[in-house]
Amino acid sequence: LYGEVGKRADVERYYNNKEEVLAVRQAVKDAVKNGDRERAKEIRQDEKARLSIAGAFASIDRAISNLRAQRKRLLANENISDDKRDKMVERVEGLIERQITRANRLYNERVKGK
């Protein structure tokens, strides 16, 4: 049970971090789009750490989406035995957890300095 609570907390932390990081990147894009170069420059200076990992977070998020789609296809595939399907789904879930851990570690190192 404790492991499940920890995993849930990691997932929640990932989504909070992702939202924060990608919102900063979007704020820069919006400032540039609106012609407010000074605001864009200010955000870039104030949020260097978050902006430095925005690309990685976007890439990790795409990988997680692809893995979830793969898991969904596996669960829907009736041509695979239950045992084999369970093992394959477990493997994909492990890969998702690794991506989440990678993103959280990156955030902690760059943003929080841990």
C-alpha atoms as a PDB file:
ATOM      1  CA  LEU A   1       0.000   0.000   0.000  1.00  0.00           C
ATOM      2  CA  TYR A   2       2.762   2.463   0.890  1.00  0.00           C
ATOM      3  CA  GLY A   3       4.372   1.973  -2.536  1.00  0.00           C
ATOM      4  CA  GLU A   4       1.107   2.866  -4.228  1.00  0.00           C
ATOM      5  CA  VAL A   5       0.769   6.054  -2.188  1.00  0.00           C
ATOM      6  CA  GLY A   6       4.347   6.988  -3.108  1.00  0.00           C
ATOM      7  CA  LYS A   7       3.688   6.345  -6.794  1.00  0.00           C
ATOM      8  CA  ARG A   8       0.532   8.426  -6.696  1.00  0.00           C
ATOM      9  CA  ALA A   9       2.442  11.280  -5.028  1.00  0.00           C
ATOM     10  CA  ASP A  10       5.166  11.043  -7.697  1.00  0.00           C
ATOM     11  CA  VAL A  11       2.586  11.189 -10.471  1.00  0.00           C
ATOM     12  CA  GLU A  12       0.844  14.150  -8.865  1.00  0.00           C
ATOM     13  CA  ARG A  13       4.193  15.912  -8.403  1.00  0.00           C
ATOM     14  CA  TYR A  14       5.049  15.233 -12.066  1.00  0.00           C
ATOM     15  CA  TYR A  15       1.824  16.771 -13.334  1.00  0.00           C
ATOM     16  CA  ASN A  16       2.207  19.828 -11.075  1.00  0.00           C
ATOM     17  CA  ASN A  17       5.811  20.302 -12.205  1.00  0.00           C
ATOM     18  CA  LYS A  18       4.901  19.793 -15.857  1.00  0.00           C
ATOM     19  CA  GLU A  19       2.073  22.299 -15.674  1.00  0.00           C
ATOM     20  CA  GLU A  20       4.355  24.853 -14.025  1.00  0.00           C
ATOM     21  CA  VAL A  21       7.227  24.396 -16.491  1.00  0.00           C
ATOM     22  CA  LEU A  22       5.083  24.411 -19.614  1.00  0.00           C
ATOM     23  CA  ALA A  23       3.074  27.421 -18.365  1.00  0.00           C
ATOM     24  CA  VAL A  24       6.300  29.428 -18.113  1.00  0.00           C
ATOM     25  CA  ARG A  25       7.251  28.441 -21.655  1.00  0.00           C
ATOM     26  CA  GLN A  26       3.783  29.419 -22.857  1.00  0.00           C
ATOM     27  CA  ALA A  27       4.030  32.772 -21.049  1.00  0.00           C
ATOM     28  CA  VAL A  28       7.183  33.580 -23.033  1.00  0.00           C
ATOM     29  CA  LYS A  29       5.494  32.567 -26.293  1.00  0.00           C
ATOM     30  CA  ASP A  30       2.451  34.684 -25.466  1.00  0.00           C
ATOM     31  CA  ALA A  31       4.571  37.723 -24.589  1.00  0.00           C
ATOM     32  CA  VAL A  32       6.467  37.430 -27.881  1.00  0.00           C
ATOM     33  CA  LYS A  33       3.228  36.917 -29.815  1.00  0.00           C
ATOM     34  CA  ASN A  34       1.755  40.045 -28.211  1.00  0.00           C
ATOM     35  CA  GLY A  35       4.874  42.042 -29.066  1.00  0.00           C
ATOM     36  CA  ASP A  36       5.894  42.456 -25.436  1.00  0.00           C
ATOM     37  CA  ARG A  37       9.569  41.665 -25.866  1.00  0.00           C
ATOM     38  CA  GLU A  38      10.438  43.259 -22.537  1.00  0.00           C
ATOM     39  CA  ARG A  39       8.068  40.908 -20.706  1.00  0.00           C
ATOM     40  CA  ALA A  40       9.456  37.917 -22.626  1.00  0.00           C
ATOM     41  CA  LYS A  41      12.999  38.963 -21.663  1.00  0.00           C
ATOM     42  CA  GLU A  42      11.949  39.384 -18.036  1.00  0.00           C
ATOM     43  CA  ILE A  43      10.369  35.914 -17.909  1.00  0.00           C
ATOM     44  CA  ARG A  44      13.424  34.370 -19.563  1.00  0.00           C
ATOM     45  CA  GLN A  45      15.676  35.932 -16.927  1.00  0.00           C
ATOM     46  CA  ASP A  46      13.445  35.087 -13.961  1.00  0.00           C
ATOM     47  CA  GLU A  47      12.598  31.554 -15.085  1.00  0.00           C
ATOM     48  CA  LYS A  48      15.864  30.290 -16.595  1.00  0.00           C
ATOM     49  CA  ALA A  49      15.744  27.026 -14.668  1.00  0.00           C
ATOM     50  CA  ARG A  50      12.182  26.146 -15.693  1.00  0.00           C
ATOM     51  CA  LEU A  51      12.748  27.190 -19.295  1.00  0.00           C
ATOM     52  CA  SER A  52      15.901  25.072 -19.460  1.00  0.00           C
ATOM     53  CA  ILE A  53      13.862  21.923 -18.843  1.00  0.00           C
ATOM     54  CA  ALA A  54      10.699  22.805 -20.796  1.00  0.00           C
ATOM     55  CA  GLY A  55      11.827  20.909 -23.900  1.00  0.00           C
ATOM     56  CA  ALA A  56      12.702  17.842 -21.845  1.00  0.00           C
ATOM     57  CA  PHE A  57       9.329  17.965 -20.085  1.00  0.00           C
ATOM     58  CA  ALA A  58       7.484  18.209 -23.406  1.00  0.00           C
ATOM     59  CA  SER A  59       9.471  15.237 -24.719  1.00  0.00           C
ATOM     60  CA  ILE A  60       8.856  13.191 -21.571  1.00  0.00           C
ATOM     61  CA  ASP A  61       5.157  14.009 -21.721  1.00  0.00           C
ATOM     62  CA  ARG A  62       4.968  12.763 -25.336  1.00  0.00           C
ATOM     63  CA  ALA A  63       6.782   9.573 -24.332  1.00  0.00           C
ATOM     64  CA  ILE A  64       4.344   9.010 -21.456  1.00  0.00           C
ATOM     65  CA  SER A  65       1.373   9.591 -23.782  1.00  0.00           C
ATOM     66  CA  ASN A  66       2.771   7.072 -26.259  1.00  0.00           C
ATOM     67  CA  LEU A  67       3.374   4.517 -23.509  1.00  0.00           C
ATOM     68  CA  ARG A  68      -0.163   4.960 -22.194  1.00  0.00           C
ATOM     69  CA  ALA A  69      -1.531   4.426 -25.687  1.00  0.00           C
ATOM     70  CA  GLN A  70       0.605   1.296 -25.956  1.00  0.00           C
ATOM     71  CA  ARG A  71      -0.750   0.053 -22.616  1.00  0.00           C
ATOM     72  CA  LYS A  72      -4.307   0.693 -23.790  1.00  0.00           C
ATOM     73  CA  ARG A  73      -3.693  -1.279 -27.001  1.00  0.00           C
ATOM     74  CA  LEU A  74      -2.213  -4.154 -25.008  1.00  0.00           C
ATOM     75  CA  LEU A  75      -5.191  -4.264 -22.662  1.00  0.00           C
ATOM     76  CA  ALA A  76      -7.576  -4.319 -25.630  1.00  0.00           C
ATOM     77  CA  ASN A  77      -5.654  -7.050 -27.471  1.00  0.00           C
ATOM     78  CA  GLU A  78      -7.505 -10.334 -26.978  1.00  0.00           C
ATOM     79  CA  ASN A  79      -4.931 -12.272 -29.010  1.00  0.00           C
ATOM     80  CA  ILE A  80      -2.410 -12.215 -26.145  1.00  0.00           C
ATOM     81  CA  SER A  81      -2.643 -14.577 -23.202  1.00  0.00           C
ATOM     82  CA  ASP A  82      -3.525 -12.986 -19.864  1.00  0.00           C
ATOM     83  CA  ASP A  83      -0.126 -13.828 -18.374  1.00  0.00           C
ATOM     84  CA  LYS A  84       1.789 -12.388 -21.298  1.00  0.00           C
ATOM     85  CA  ARG A  85      -0.467  -9.312 -21.432  1.00  0.00           C
ATOM     86  CA  ASP A  86       0.010  -8.710 -17.702  1.00  0.00           C
ATOM     87  CA  LYS A  87       3.789  -8.903 -18.064  1.00  0.00           C
ATOM     88  CA  MET A  88       3.782  -6.571 -21.050  1.00  0.00           C
ATOM     89  CA  VAL A  89       1.508  -4.070 -19.313  1.00  0.00           C
ATOM     90  CA  GLU A  90       3.679  -4.221 -16.191  1.00  0.00           C
ATOM     91  CA  ARG A  91       6.744  -3.492 -18.333  1.00  0.00           C
ATOM     92  CA  VAL A  92       5.053  -0.485 -19.970  1.00  0.00           C
ATOM     93  CA  GLU A  93       3.907   0.806 -16.582  1.00  0.00           C
ATOM     94  CA  GLY A  94       7.497   0.520 -15.370  1.00  0.00           C
ATOM     95  CA  LEU A  95       8.636   2.603 -18.330  1.00  0.00           C
ATOM     96  CA  ILE A  96       6.004   5.228 -17.507  1.00  0.00           C
ATOM     97  CA  GLU A  97       7.195   5.329 -13.895  1.00  0.00           C
ATOM     98  CA  ARG A  98      10.783   5.757 -15.094  1.00  0.00           C
ATOM     99  CA  GLN A  99       9.809   8.727 -17.258  1.00  0.00           C
ATOM    100  CA  ILE A 100       7.941  10.318 -14.351  1.00  0.00           C
ATOM    101  CA  THR A 101      10.932   9.760 -12.041  1.00  0.00           C
ATOM    102  CA  ARG A 102      13.243  11.233 -14.683  1.00  0.00           C
ATOM    103  CA  ALA A 103      11.101  14.359 -15.013  1.00  0.00           C
ATOM    104  CA  ASN A 104      10.793  14.840 -11.254  1.00  0.00           C
ATOM    105  CA  ARG A 105      14.534  14.381 -10.769  1.00  0.00           C
ATOM    106  CA  LEU A 106      15.264  16.890 -13.531  1.00  0.00           C
ATOM    107  CA  TYR A 107      12.882  19.406 -11.959  1.00  0.00           C
ATOM    108  CA  ASN A 108      14.413  18.930  -8.506  1.00  0.00           C
ATOM    109  CA  GLU A 109      17.956  19.312  -9.824  1.00  0.00           C
ATOM    110  CA  ARG A 110      17.369  22.357 -12.018  1.00  0.00           C
ATOM    111  CA  VAL A 111      14.575  24.229 -10.278  1.00  0.00           C
ATOM    112  CA  LYS A 112      14.924  23.324  -6.634  1.00  0.00           C
ATOM    113  CA  GLY A 113      18.672  22.763  -6.737  1.00  0.00           C
ATOM    114  CA  LYS A 114      18.469  19.381  -4.971  1.00  0.00           C
END
